[in-house]
Amino acid sequence: MDNVLIISSNEQSFGQFSQLLKAERCSRTDTAQSCSEGRRLIAEREYELIIINAPMKDEFGDLLALDAAQKTNSGVMLIVRHDLEQELESRVSKYGVFVIGKPLSKTIFYKALRLLEAMHHRVSGVRRENVKLQKKIDDIRIINRAKCILMEYLSMTEPQAHKYLERQAMDLRVTKIEVAKRLLSTYEN
């Protein structure tokens, strides 16, 4: 793990988590002593893992865990008292928050760490693919708008407009999307 954020109001726990993470060769670990400070750090930087040691001084920490799980690619680990583990797990696990009870077992911590790391990589891959697909959809919309302009202003059929865009792209040695954007800038102004 490259970037880890530890959020805890207990100073002693920073040392414990840092020791556990050093064994996993984490390159950068940031700390926050309140949920509001944690939210600020999460907004400023992307983390692979966010560890929240509840309860916090300004709020419990479960809402922060939910926010982090829903708004980031980070794996989120919420550490709570053993008697609250099942209750919180039933509320937050469906959002991708991994809940661990205190006292903390090294074995369970490392298993959770590996699971969250795998989940982070998978979610990041899905989001990258989603961005690529969204760009393709946007490109298709632009090309279709350009075809509509050709059909409206130059009385072309849809196949003729399609062929025109392809021909222009070949002749000008640019992509079809670039031809479509030039066409739109000419006719839509």
Protein backbone atom coordinates (compact mmCIF):
# COMPACT_ATOMS: atom_id res chain seq x y z
CA MET A 1 0.00 0.00 0.00
CA ASP A 2 1.35 3.38 -0.98
CA ASN A 3 -0.90 5.88 0.81
CA VAL A 4 -2.62 5.14 4.11
CA LEU A 5 -4.63 7.48 6.33
CA ILE A 6 -5.04 6.63 10.02
CA ILE A 7 -7.82 8.53 11.78
CA SER A 8 -7.82 8.14 15.54
CA SER A 9 -8.25 10.38 18.56
CA ASN A 10 -5.99 8.05 20.56
CA GLU A 11 -2.32 9.05 20.09
CA GLN A 12 -1.10 5.62 21.22
CA SER A 13 -2.98 3.87 18.41
CA PHE A 14 -1.02 5.81 15.76
CA GLY A 15 2.14 4.03 16.87
CA GLN A 16 0.44 0.63 16.92
CA PHE A 17 -1.03 1.02 13.43
CA SER A 18 2.22 2.47 12.08
CA GLN A 19 4.11 -0.58 13.37
CA LEU A 20 1.60 -2.96 11.76
CA LEU A 21 1.76 -1.05 8.49
CA LYS A 22 5.58 -0.89 8.43
CA ALA A 23 5.61 -4.68 8.24
CA GLU A 24 3.56 -4.32 5.03
CA ARG A 25 6.00 -1.71 3.62
CA CYS A 26 3.53 1.16 3.43
CA SER A 27 5.39 4.07 1.88
CA ARG A 28 3.29 6.98 3.18
CA THR A 29 1.11 7.19 6.27
CA ASP A 30 -0.86 10.32 7.19
CA THR A 31 -2.70 10.78 10.47
CA ALA A 32 -5.73 12.73 11.64
CA GLN A 33 -7.04 13.14 15.17
CA SER A 34 -10.64 14.02 14.31
CA CYS A 35 -13.24 13.14 11.72
CA SER A 36 -13.26 16.70 10.38
CA GLU A 37 -9.47 16.62 9.91
CA GLY A 38 -9.84 13.20 8.26
CA ARG A 39 -12.47 14.55 5.85
CA ARG A 40 -10.15 17.41 4.92
CA LEU A 41 -7.24 15.04 4.19
CA ILE A 42 -9.49 12.71 2.19
CA ALA A 43 -10.63 15.67 0.06
CA GLU A 44 -7.02 16.74 -0.57
CA ARG A 45 -5.37 13.40 -1.38
CA GLU A 46 -6.26 9.93 -2.58
CA TYR A 47 -5.54 7.04 -0.22
CA GLU A 48 -5.45 3.33 -0.87
CA LEU A 49 -6.51 2.60 2.70
CA ILE A 50 -8.31 4.61 5.36
CA ILE A 51 -8.27 3.24 8.91
CA ILE A 52 -10.75 4.76 11.36
CA ASN A 53 -10.27 3.91 15.02
CA ALA A 54 -13.70 4.63 16.58
CA PRO A 55 -14.95 6.37 18.61
CA MET A 56 -13.61 9.76 17.66
CA LYS A 57 -13.90 12.98 19.68
CA ASP A 58 -16.09 14.93 17.25
CA GLU A 59 -18.29 12.02 16.08
CA PHE A 60 -18.28 8.25 16.28
CA GLY A 61 -16.62 7.56 12.90
CA ASP A 62 -19.17 5.36 11.13
CA LEU A 63 -20.51 8.24 9.03
CA LEU A 64 -16.97 9.17 8.01
CA ALA A 65 -16.37 5.54 7.01
CA LEU A 66 -19.54 5.55 4.88
CA ASP A 67 -18.56 8.86 3.23
CA ALA A 68 -15.06 7.60 2.47
CA ALA A 69 -16.35 4.31 1.04
CA GLN A 70 -18.90 6.02 -1.20
CA LYS A 71 -16.81 8.96 -2.41
CA THR A 72 -13.34 7.44 -2.85
CA ASN A 73 -11.57 4.40 -4.29
CA SER A 74 -10.04 3.73 -0.88
CA GLY A 75 -10.40 0.59 1.15
CA VAL A 76 -12.02 1.61 4.44
CA MET A 77 -11.39 -0.18 7.74
CA LEU A 78 -13.50 0.77 10.78
CA ILE A 79 -12.13 -0.47 14.10
CA VAL A 80 -14.66 -0.53 16.96
CA ARG A 81 -15.22 -2.10 20.36
CA HIS A 82 -15.94 -5.80 20.07
CA ASP A 83 -19.50 -5.43 21.42
CA LEU A 84 -20.38 -2.96 18.62
CA GLU A 85 -18.75 -4.92 15.78
CA GLN A 86 -21.78 -6.89 14.55
CA GLU A 87 -24.21 -3.99 14.78
CA LEU A 88 -21.95 -1.65 12.81
CA GLU A 89 -20.97 -4.37 10.36
CA SER A 90 -24.63 -4.91 9.45
CA ARG A 91 -25.02 -1.17 8.76
CA VAL A 92 -21.83 -0.34 6.87
CA SER A 93 -20.50 -3.51 5.22
CA LYS A 94 -22.92 -3.26 2.28
CA TYR A 95 -21.15 0.01 1.38
CA GLY A 96 -17.72 -1.61 1.35
CA VAL A 97 -16.56 -0.76 4.87
CA PHE A 98 -14.63 -3.54 6.62
CA VAL A 99 -15.36 -3.62 10.38
CA ILE A 100 -12.91 -5.12 12.90
CA GLY A 101 -13.46 -5.47 16.63
CA LYS A 102 -11.06 -4.46 19.40
CA PRO A 103 -8.82 -5.86 20.76
CA LEU A 104 -7.14 -6.02 17.39
CA SER A 105 -5.74 -9.36 16.21
CA LYS A 106 -2.67 -9.03 13.96
CA THR A 107 -3.84 -11.96 11.83
CA ILE A 108 -7.28 -10.46 11.23
CA PHE A 109 -5.77 -7.02 10.63
CA TYR A 110 -3.39 -8.33 7.94
CA LYS A 111 -6.15 -10.39 6.28
CA ALA A 112 -8.39 -7.31 6.21
CA LEU A 113 -5.51 -5.24 4.87
CA ARG A 114 -4.97 -7.65 1.97
CA LEU A 115 -8.70 -7.85 1.23
CA LEU A 116 -9.00 -4.07 1.18
CA GLU A 117 -5.93 -3.75 -1.02
CA ALA A 118 -7.40 -6.23 -3.51
CA MET A 119 -10.74 -4.40 -3.40
CA HIS A 120 -8.97 -1.06 -3.99
CA HIS A 121 -7.20 -2.40 -7.09
CA ARG A 122 -10.40 -3.89 -8.45
CA VAL A 123 -12.45 -0.73 -7.88
CA SER A 124 -9.71 1.41 -9.43
CA GLY A 125 -9.68 -0.82 -12.51
CA VAL A 126 -13.46 -0.64 -12.84
CA ARG A 127 -13.40 3.15 -12.50
CA ARG A 128 -10.67 3.48 -15.15
CA GLU A 129 -12.74 1.30 -17.50
CA ASN A 130 -15.81 3.40 -16.71
CA VAL A 131 -13.93 6.60 -17.64
CA LYS A 132 -12.86 5.05 -20.97
CA LEU A 133 -16.41 3.95 -21.75
CA GLN A 134 -17.81 7.36 -20.84
CA LYS A 135 -15.32 9.00 -23.22
CA LYS A 136 -16.41 6.64 -26.00
CA ILE A 137 -20.05 7.52 -25.37
CA ASP A 138 -19.23 11.24 -25.45
CA ASP A 139 -17.30 10.79 -28.72
CA ILE A 140 -20.22 8.91 -30.29
CA ARG A 141 -22.60 11.71 -29.27
CA ILE A 142 -20.34 14.34 -30.87
CA ILE A 143 -20.01 12.30 -34.08
CA ASN A 144 -23.78 11.79 -34.22
CA ARG A 145 -24.37 15.54 -33.76
CA ALA A 146 -21.94 16.19 -36.62
CA LYS A 147 -23.81 13.70 -38.81
CA CYS A 148 -27.10 15.45 -38.01
CA ILE A 149 -25.59 18.78 -39.06
CA LEU A 150 -24.41 17.28 -42.34
CA MET A 151 -27.85 15.78 -42.91
CA GLU A 152 -29.61 19.05 -42.10
CA TYR A 153 -27.36 21.60 -43.83
CA LEU A 154 -25.96 19.56 -46.72
CA SER A 155 -28.98 17.26 -47.24
CA MET A 156 -26.89 14.11 -46.82
CA THR A 157 -28.27 10.75 -45.79
CA GLU A 158 -26.93 9.15 -42.61
CA PRO A 159 -24.63 6.74 -44.53
CA GLN A 160 -23.33 9.64 -46.66
CA ALA A 161 -22.64 11.74 -43.55
CA HIS A 162 -20.83 8.81 -41.95
CA LYS A 163 -18.72 8.25 -45.05
CA TYR A 164 -17.98 11.98 -45.31
CA LEU A 165 -16.63 12.06 -41.73
CA GLU A 166 -14.48 8.99 -42.36
CA ARG A 167 -13.15 10.40 -45.64
CA GLN A 168 -12.31 13.76 -44.06
CA ALA A 169 -10.51 12.00 -41.19
CA MET A 170 -8.41 10.00 -43.67
CA ASP A 171 -7.68 12.96 -45.92
CA LEU A 172 -6.72 15.27 -43.04
CA ARG A 173 -4.96 12.48 -41.11
CA VAL A 174 -6.93 13.16 -37.94
CA THR A 175 -9.51 11.18 -36.00
CA LYS A 176 -13.21 11.18 -36.78
CA ILE A 177 -13.90 12.92 -33.49
CA GLU A 178 -11.58 15.80 -34.46
CA VAL A 179 -13.37 16.18 -37.80
CA ALA A 180 -16.73 16.10 -35.99
CA LYS A 181 -15.61 18.77 -33.50
CA ARG A 182 -14.36 21.04 -36.31
CA LEU A 183 -17.64 20.59 -38.13
CA LEU A 184 -19.62 21.41 -34.99
CA SER A 185 -17.56 24.53 -34.32
CA THR A 186 -18.21 25.69 -37.88
CA TYR A 187 -21.96 25.09 -37.99
CA GLU A 188 -23.02 25.61 -34.38
CA ASN A 189 -21.59 29.14 -34.02
